[in-house]
Amino acid sequence: MNFISTGAMKLAQIRENSNFFRSELQKMGFEVLGDNDSPVMPIMLYNPAKIPAFSRECLRQKVSMEVPCLI
């Protein structure tokens, strides 16, 4: 297997995983923004009190996330 097909396979797996994760979040009632097939998913949490718990759970599950700080 060459590097090009290995890279293409990895990208396809990232796309598949991202779409699965997005659909599962939507099933749980989260508002997920952004484009399908993208691993970058803005998730709207309208209750500020839930953000720390959501962040901790993502860390526990080894899911990378960034919490923007609005001033």
PDB file of N, CA and C in Angstrom:
ATOM      1  N   MET A   1       0.844  -1.172   0.000  1.00  0.00           N
ATOM      2  CA  MET A   1       0.000   0.000   0.000  1.00  0.00           C
ATOM      3  C   MET A   1       0.895   1.243   0.000  1.00  0.00           C
ATOM      4  N   ASN A   2       0.575   2.190  -0.811  1.00  0.00           N
ATOM      5  CA  ASN A   2       1.409   3.400  -0.867  1.00  0.00           C
ATOM      6  C   ASN A   2       0.872   4.488   0.056  1.00  0.00           C
ATOM      7  N   PHE A   3       1.655   5.550   0.194  1.00  0.00           N
ATOM      8  CA  PHE A   3       1.292   6.622   1.119  1.00  0.00           C
ATOM      9  C   PHE A   3       0.012   7.340   0.713  1.00  0.00           C
ATOM     10  N   ILE A   4      -0.231   7.470  -0.574  1.00  0.00           N
ATOM     11  CA  ILE A   4      -1.425   8.183  -1.040  1.00  0.00           C
ATOM     12  C   ILE A   4      -2.684   7.418  -0.651  1.00  0.00           C
ATOM     13  N   SER A   5      -2.704   6.118  -0.892  1.00  0.00           N
ATOM     14  CA  SER A   5      -3.906   5.366  -0.543  1.00  0.00           C
ATOM     15  C   SER A   5      -4.068   5.256   0.970  1.00  0.00           C
ATOM     16  N   THR A   6      -2.963   5.197   1.715  1.00  0.00           N
ATOM     17  CA  THR A   6      -3.042   5.172   3.172  1.00  0.00           C
ATOM     18  C   THR A   6      -3.632   6.484   3.674  1.00  0.00           C
ATOM     19  N   GLY A   7      -3.177   7.611   3.135  1.00  0.00           N
ATOM     20  CA  GLY A   7      -3.715   8.914   3.516  1.00  0.00           C
ATOM     21  C   GLY A   7      -5.183   9.038   3.176  1.00  0.00           C
ATOM     22  N   ALA A   8      -5.567   8.558   2.009  1.00  0.00           N
ATOM     23  CA  ALA A   8      -6.970   8.622   1.592  1.00  0.00           C
ATOM     24  C   ALA A   8      -7.841   7.769   2.511  1.00  0.00           C
ATOM     25  N   MET A   9      -7.318   6.623   2.916  1.00  0.00           N
ATOM     26  CA  MET A   9      -8.073   5.751   3.822  1.00  0.00           C
ATOM     27  C   MET A   9      -8.245   6.408   5.193  1.00  0.00           C
ATOM     28  N   LYS A  10      -7.205   7.079   5.667  1.00  0.00           N
ATOM     29  CA  LYS A  10      -7.305   7.768   6.961  1.00  0.00           C
ATOM     30  C   LYS A  10      -8.312   8.908   6.898  1.00  0.00           C
ATOM     31  N   LEU A  11      -8.290   9.667   5.818  1.00  0.00           N
ATOM     32  CA  LEU A  11      -9.249  10.764   5.651  1.00  0.00           C
ATOM     33  C   LEU A  11     -10.681  10.244   5.570  1.00  0.00           C
ATOM     34  N   ALA A  12     -10.870   9.130   4.876  1.00  0.00           N
ATOM     35  CA  ALA A  12     -12.200   8.533   4.778  1.00  0.00           C
ATOM     36  C   ALA A  12     -12.682   8.079   6.155  1.00  0.00           C
ATOM     37  N   GLN A  13     -11.782   7.531   6.975  1.00  0.00           N
ATOM     38  CA  GLN A  13     -12.154   7.088   8.322  1.00  0.00           C
ATOM     39  C   GLN A  13     -12.500   8.277   9.214  1.00  0.00           C
ATOM     40  N   ILE A  14     -11.739   9.362   9.096  1.00  0.00           N
ATOM     41  CA  ILE A  14     -12.050  10.576   9.862  1.00  0.00           C
ATOM     42  C   ILE A  14     -13.425  11.102   9.473  1.00  0.00           C
ATOM     43  N   ARG A  15     -13.716  11.118   8.183  1.00  0.00           N
ATOM     44  CA  ARG A  15     -15.022  11.596   7.702  1.00  0.00           C
ATOM     45  C   ARG A  15     -16.143  10.704   8.248  1.00  0.00           C
ATOM     46  N   GLU A  16     -15.945   9.397   8.197  1.00  0.00           N
ATOM     47  CA  GLU A  16     -16.962   8.459   8.692  1.00  0.00           C
ATOM     48  C   GLU A  16     -17.178   8.639  10.203  1.00  0.00           C
ATOM     49  N   ASN A  17     -16.090   8.726  10.952  1.00  0.00           N
ATOM     50  CA  ASN A  17     -16.197   8.916  12.402  1.00  0.00           C
ATOM     51  C   ASN A  17     -16.875  10.242  12.740  1.00  0.00           C
ATOM     52  N   SER A  18     -16.522  11.301  12.010  1.00  0.00           N
ATOM     53  CA  SER A  18     -17.114  12.622  12.257  1.00  0.00           C
ATOM     54  C   SER A  18     -18.612  12.607  11.999  1.00  0.00           C
ATOM     55  N   ASN A  19     -19.016  11.984  10.914  1.00  0.00           N
ATOM     56  CA  ASN A  19     -20.446  11.927  10.593  1.00  0.00           C
ATOM     57  C   ASN A  19     -21.213  11.108  11.630  1.00  0.00           C
ATOM     58  N   PHE A  20     -20.616  10.015  12.112  1.00  0.00           N
ATOM     59  CA  PHE A  20     -21.252   9.214  13.151  1.00  0.00           C
ATOM     60  C   PHE A  20     -21.394  10.038  14.428  1.00  0.00           C
ATOM     61  N   PHE A  21     -20.317  10.707  14.853  1.00  0.00           N
ATOM     62  CA  PHE A  21     -20.336  11.506  16.064  1.00  0.00           C
ATOM     63  C   PHE A  21     -21.371  12.619  15.960  1.00  0.00           C
ATOM     64  N   ARG A  22     -21.411  13.293  14.814  1.00  0.00           N
ATOM     65  CA  ARG A  22     -22.381  14.376  14.589  1.00  0.00           C
ATOM     66  C   ARG A  22     -23.810  13.840  14.708  1.00  0.00           C
ATOM     67  N   SER A  23     -24.091  12.713  14.076  1.00  0.00           N
ATOM     68  CA  SER A  23     -25.461  12.171  14.109  1.00  0.00           C
ATOM     69  C   SER A  23     -25.853  11.739  15.520  1.00  0.00           C
ATOM     70  N   GLU A  24     -24.911  11.193  16.279  1.00  0.00           N
ATOM     71  CA  GLU A  24     -25.212  10.787  17.651  1.00  0.00           C
ATOM     72  C   GLU A  24     -25.470  12.005  18.543  1.00  0.00           C
ATOM     73  N   LEU A  25     -24.692  13.064  18.368  1.00  0.00           N
ATOM     74  CA  LEU A  25     -24.936  14.295  19.125  1.00  0.00           C
ATOM     75  C   LEU A  25     -26.307  14.867  18.796  1.00  0.00           C
ATOM     76  N   GLN A  26     -26.672  14.856  17.520  1.00  0.00           N
ATOM     77  CA  GLN A  26     -27.976  15.378  17.116  1.00  0.00           C
ATOM     78  C   GLN A  26     -29.108  14.521  17.681  1.00  0.00           C
ATOM     79  N   LYS A  27     -28.921  13.202  17.730  1.00  0.00           N
ATOM     80  CA  LYS A  27     -29.935  12.319  18.322  1.00  0.00           C
ATOM     81  C   LYS A  27     -30.146  12.643  19.799  1.00  0.00           C
ATOM     82  N   MET A  28     -29.073  13.095  20.472  1.00  0.00           N
ATOM     83  CA  MET A  28     -29.167  13.447  21.895  1.00  0.00           C
ATOM     84  C   MET A  28     -29.732  14.851  22.097  1.00  0.00           C
ATOM     85  N   GLY A  29     -30.018  15.553  20.996  1.00  0.00           N
ATOM     86  CA  GLY A  29     -30.655  16.858  21.092  1.00  0.00           C
ATOM     87  C   GLY A  29     -29.723  18.052  21.015  1.00  0.00           C
ATOM     88  N   PHE A  30     -28.439  17.821  20.733  1.00  0.00           N
ATOM     89  CA  PHE A  30     -27.510  18.934  20.604  1.00  0.00           C
ATOM     90  C   PHE A  30     -27.677  19.621  19.256  1.00  0.00           C
ATOM     91  N   GLU A  31     -27.495  20.933  19.257  1.00  0.00           N
ATOM     92  CA  GLU A  31     -27.471  21.685  18.004  1.00  0.00           C
ATOM     93  C   GLU A  31     -26.026  21.713  17.522  1.00  0.00           C
ATOM     94  N   VAL A  32     -25.772  20.992  16.431  1.00  0.00           N
ATOM     95  CA  VAL A  32     -24.420  20.879  15.885  1.00  0.00           C
ATOM     96  C   VAL A  32     -24.367  21.677  14.594  1.00  0.00           C
ATOM     97  N   LEU A  33     -23.448  22.644  14.548  1.00  0.00           N
ATOM     98  CA  LEU A  33     -23.298  23.489  13.366  1.00  0.00           C
ATOM     99  C   LEU A  33     -22.156  22.963  12.500  1.00  0.00           C
ATOM    100  N   GLY A  34     -21.892  23.634  11.411  1.00  0.00           N
ATOM    101  CA  GLY A  34     -20.783  23.258  10.542  1.00  0.00           C
ATOM    102  C   GLY A  34     -21.221  22.329   9.419  1.00  0.00           C
ATOM    103  N   ASP A  35     -20.257  21.994   8.586  1.00  0.00           N
ATOM    104  CA  ASP A  35     -20.521  21.172   7.402  1.00  0.00           C
ATOM    105  C   ASP A  35     -20.440  19.684   7.730  1.00  0.00           C
ATOM    106  N   ASN A  36     -21.312  18.908   7.083  1.00  0.00           N
ATOM    107  CA  ASN A  36     -21.177  17.457   7.156  1.00  0.00           C
ATOM    108  C   ASN A  36     -19.815  17.083   6.586  1.00  0.00           C
ATOM    109  N   ASP A  37     -19.287  15.965   7.004  1.00  0.00           N
ATOM    110  CA  ASP A  37     -17.975  15.442   6.586  1.00  0.00           C
ATOM    111  C   ASP A  37     -16.808  16.214   7.191  1.00  0.00           C
ATOM    112  N   SER A  38     -17.066  17.220   8.005  1.00  0.00           N
ATOM    113  CA  SER A  38     -15.988  17.973   8.626  1.00  0.00           C
ATOM    114  C   SER A  38     -15.784  17.497  10.060  1.00  0.00           C
ATOM    115  N   PRO A  39     -14.544  17.301  10.473  1.00  0.00           N
ATOM    116  CA  PRO A  39     -14.297  16.919  11.860  1.00  0.00           C
ATOM    117  C   PRO A  39     -14.428  18.098  12.827  1.00  0.00           C
ATOM    118  N   VAL A  40     -14.595  19.308  12.308  1.00  0.00           N
ATOM    119  CA  VAL A  40     -14.782  20.492  13.149  1.00  0.00           C
ATOM    120  C   VAL A  40     -16.283  20.706  13.315  1.00  0.00           C
ATOM    121  N   MET A  41     -16.761  20.617  14.575  1.00  0.00           N
ATOM    122  CA  MET A  41     -18.193  20.697  14.839  1.00  0.00           C
ATOM    123  C   MET A  41     -18.493  21.687  15.942  1.00  0.00           C
ATOM    124  N   PRO A  42     -18.907  22.898  15.604  1.00  0.00           N
ATOM    125  CA  PRO A  42     -19.372  23.795  16.654  1.00  0.00           C
ATOM    126  C   PRO A  42     -20.662  23.235  17.260  1.00  0.00           C
ATOM    127  N   ILE A  43     -20.683  23.121  18.583  1.00  0.00           N
ATOM    128  CA  ILE A  43     -21.857  22.605  19.295  1.00  0.00           C
ATOM    129  C   ILE A  43     -22.366  23.722  20.189  1.00  0.00           C
ATOM    130  N   MET A  44     -23.639  24.021  20.052  1.00  0.00           N
ATOM    131  CA  MET A  44     -24.230  25.108  20.809  1.00  0.00           C
ATOM    132  C   MET A  44     -24.761  24.588  22.150  1.00  0.00           C
ATOM    133  N   LEU A  45     -24.196  25.103  23.234  1.00  0.00           N
ATOM    134  CA  LEU A  45     -24.686  24.816  24.581  1.00  0.00           C
ATOM    135  C   LEU A  45     -25.231  26.132  25.124  1.00  0.00           C
ATOM    136  N   TYR A  46     -26.534  26.241  25.197  1.00  0.00           N
ATOM    137  CA  TYR A  46     -27.149  27.514  25.559  1.00  0.00           C
ATOM    138  C   TYR A  46     -27.215  27.741  27.066  1.00  0.00           C
ATOM    139  N   ASN A  47     -26.948  26.700  27.840  1.00  0.00           N
ATOM    140  CA  ASN A  47     -26.959  26.830  29.291  1.00  0.00           C
ATOM    141  C   ASN A  47     -25.510  26.862  29.784  1.00  0.00           C
ATOM    142  N   PRO A  48     -25.006  28.025  30.169  1.00  0.00           N
ATOM    143  CA  PRO A  48     -23.607  28.140  30.587  1.00  0.00           C
ATOM    144  C   PRO A  48     -23.225  27.193  31.726  1.00  0.00           C
ATOM    145  N   ALA A  49     -24.176  26.834  32.564  1.00  0.00           N
ATOM    146  CA  ALA A  49     -23.881  25.933  33.678  1.00  0.00           C
ATOM    147  C   ALA A  49     -23.510  24.528  33.201  1.00  0.00           C
ATOM    148  N   LYS A  50     -23.922  24.155  31.987  1.00  0.00           N
ATOM    149  CA  LYS A  50     -23.627  22.816  31.470  1.00  0.00           C
ATOM    150  C   LYS A  50     -22.260  22.713  30.794  1.00  0.00           C
ATOM    151  N   ILE A  51     -21.643  23.843  30.485  1.00  0.00           N
ATOM    152  CA  ILE A  51     -20.382  23.833  29.737  1.00  0.00           C
ATOM    153  C   ILE A  51     -19.266  23.119  30.492  1.00  0.00           C
ATOM    154  N   PRO A  52     -19.037  23.388  31.789  1.00  0.00           N
ATOM    155  CA  PRO A  52     -17.949  22.674  32.476  1.00  0.00           C
ATOM    156  C   PRO A  52     -18.142  21.153  32.510  1.00  0.00           C
ATOM    157  N   ALA A  53     -19.365  20.696  32.757  1.00  0.00           N
ATOM    158  CA  ALA A  53     -19.623  19.257  32.791  1.00  0.00           C
ATOM    159  C   ALA A  53     -19.421  18.634  31.409  1.00  0.00           C
ATOM    160  N   PHE A  54     -19.873  19.331  30.376  1.00  0.00           N
ATOM    161  CA  PHE A  54     -19.691  18.835  29.014  1.00  0.00           C
ATOM    162  C   PHE A  54     -18.205  18.755  28.674  1.00  0.00           C
ATOM    163  N   SER A  55     -17.459  19.770  29.064  1.00  0.00           N
ATOM    164  CA  SER A  55     -16.020  19.798  28.816  1.00  0.00           C
ATOM    165  C   SER A  55     -15.313  18.643  29.529  1.00  0.00           C
ATOM    166  N   ARG A  56     -15.676  18.407  30.800  1.00  0.00           N
ATOM    167  CA  ARG A  56     -15.062  17.304  31.556  1.00  0.00           C
ATOM    168  C   ARG A  56     -15.372  15.959  30.927  1.00  0.00           C
ATOM    169  N   GLU A  57     -16.611  15.774  30.481  1.00  0.00           N
ATOM    170  CA  GLU A  57     -16.989  14.497  29.868  1.00  0.00           C
ATOM    171  C   GLU A  57     -16.241  14.286  28.549  1.00  0.00           C
ATOM    172  N   CYS A  58     -16.080  15.341  27.764  1.00  0.00           N
ATOM    173  CA  CYS A  58     -15.301  15.227  26.521  1.00  0.00           C
ATOM    174  C   CYS A  58     -13.861  14.834  26.838  1.00  0.00           C
ATOM    175  N   LEU A  59     -13.283  15.442  27.849  1.00  0.00           N
ATOM    176  CA  LEU A  59     -11.920  15.101  28.244  1.00  0.00           C
ATOM    177  C   LEU A  59     -11.845  13.645  28.693  1.00  0.00           C
ATOM    178  N   ARG A  60     -12.813  13.204  29.479  1.00  0.00           N
ATOM    179  CA  ARG A  60     -12.843  11.819  29.952  1.00  0.00           C
ATOM    180  C   ARG A  60     -12.932  10.828  28.784  1.00  0.00           C
ATOM    181  N   GLN A  61     -13.675  11.218  27.749  1.00  0.00           N
ATOM    182  CA  GLN A  61     -13.858  10.364  26.574  1.00  0.00           C
ATOM    183  C   GLN A  61     -12.752  10.556  25.534  1.00  0.00           C
ATOM    184  N   LYS A  62     -11.782  11.400  25.846  1.00  0.00           N
ATOM    185  CA  LYS A  62     -10.665  11.708  24.939  1.00  0.00           C
ATOM    186  C   LYS A  62     -11.132  12.366  23.637  1.00  0.00           C
ATOM    187  N   VAL A  63     -12.099  13.273  23.772  1.00  0.00           N
ATOM    188  CA  VAL A  63     -12.597  14.050  22.643  1.00  0.00           C
ATOM    189  C   VAL A  63     -12.055  15.461  22.802  1.00  0.00           C
ATOM    190  N   SER A  64     -11.344  15.920  21.794  1.00  0.00           N
ATOM    191  CA  SER A  64     -10.763  17.256  21.836  1.00  0.00           C
ATOM    192  C   SER A  64     -11.848  18.306  21.670  1.00  0.00           C
ATOM    193  N   MET A  65     -11.757  19.355  22.482  1.00  0.00           N
ATOM    194  CA  MET A  65     -12.720  20.438  22.342  1.00  0.00           C
ATOM    195  C   MET A  65     -12.084  21.744  22.767  1.00  0.00           C
ATOM    196  N   GLU A  66     -12.663  22.807  22.293  1.00  0.00           N
ATOM    197  CA  GLU A  66     -12.215  24.159  22.618  1.00  0.00           C
ATOM    198  C   GLU A  66     -13.426  24.922  23.118  1.00  0.00           C
ATOM    199  N   VAL A  67     -13.322  25.517  24.274  1.00  0.00           N
ATOM    200  CA  VAL A  67     -14.425  26.313  24.816  1.00  0.00           C
ATOM    201  C   VAL A  67     -14.061  27.786  24.621  1.00  0.00           C
ATOM    202  N   PRO A  68     -14.804  28.486  23.759  1.00  0.00           N
ATOM    203  CA  PRO A  68     -14.508  29.904  23.573  1.00  0.00           C
ATOM    204  C   PRO A  68     -14.919  30.704  24.797  1.00  0.00           C
ATOM    205  N   CYS A  69     -14.169  31.697  25.084  1.00  0.00           N
ATOM    206  CA  CYS A  69     -14.470  32.576  26.200  1.00  0.00           C
ATOM    207  C   CYS A  69     -15.036  33.875  25.642  1.00  0.00           C
ATOM    208  N   LEU A  70     -16.276  34.142  25.966  1.00  0.00           N
ATOM    209  CA  LEU A  70     -16.930  35.352  25.485  1.00  0.00           C
ATOM    210  C   LEU A  70     -16.893  36.406  26.590  1.00  0.00           C
ATOM    211  N   ILE A  71     -16.358  37.545  26.270  1.00  0.00           N
ATOM    212  CA  ILE A  71     -16.248  38.629  27.257  1.00  0.00           C
ATOM    213  C   ILE A  71     -17.164  39.764  26.861  1.00  0.00           C
TER     214      ILE A  71
END
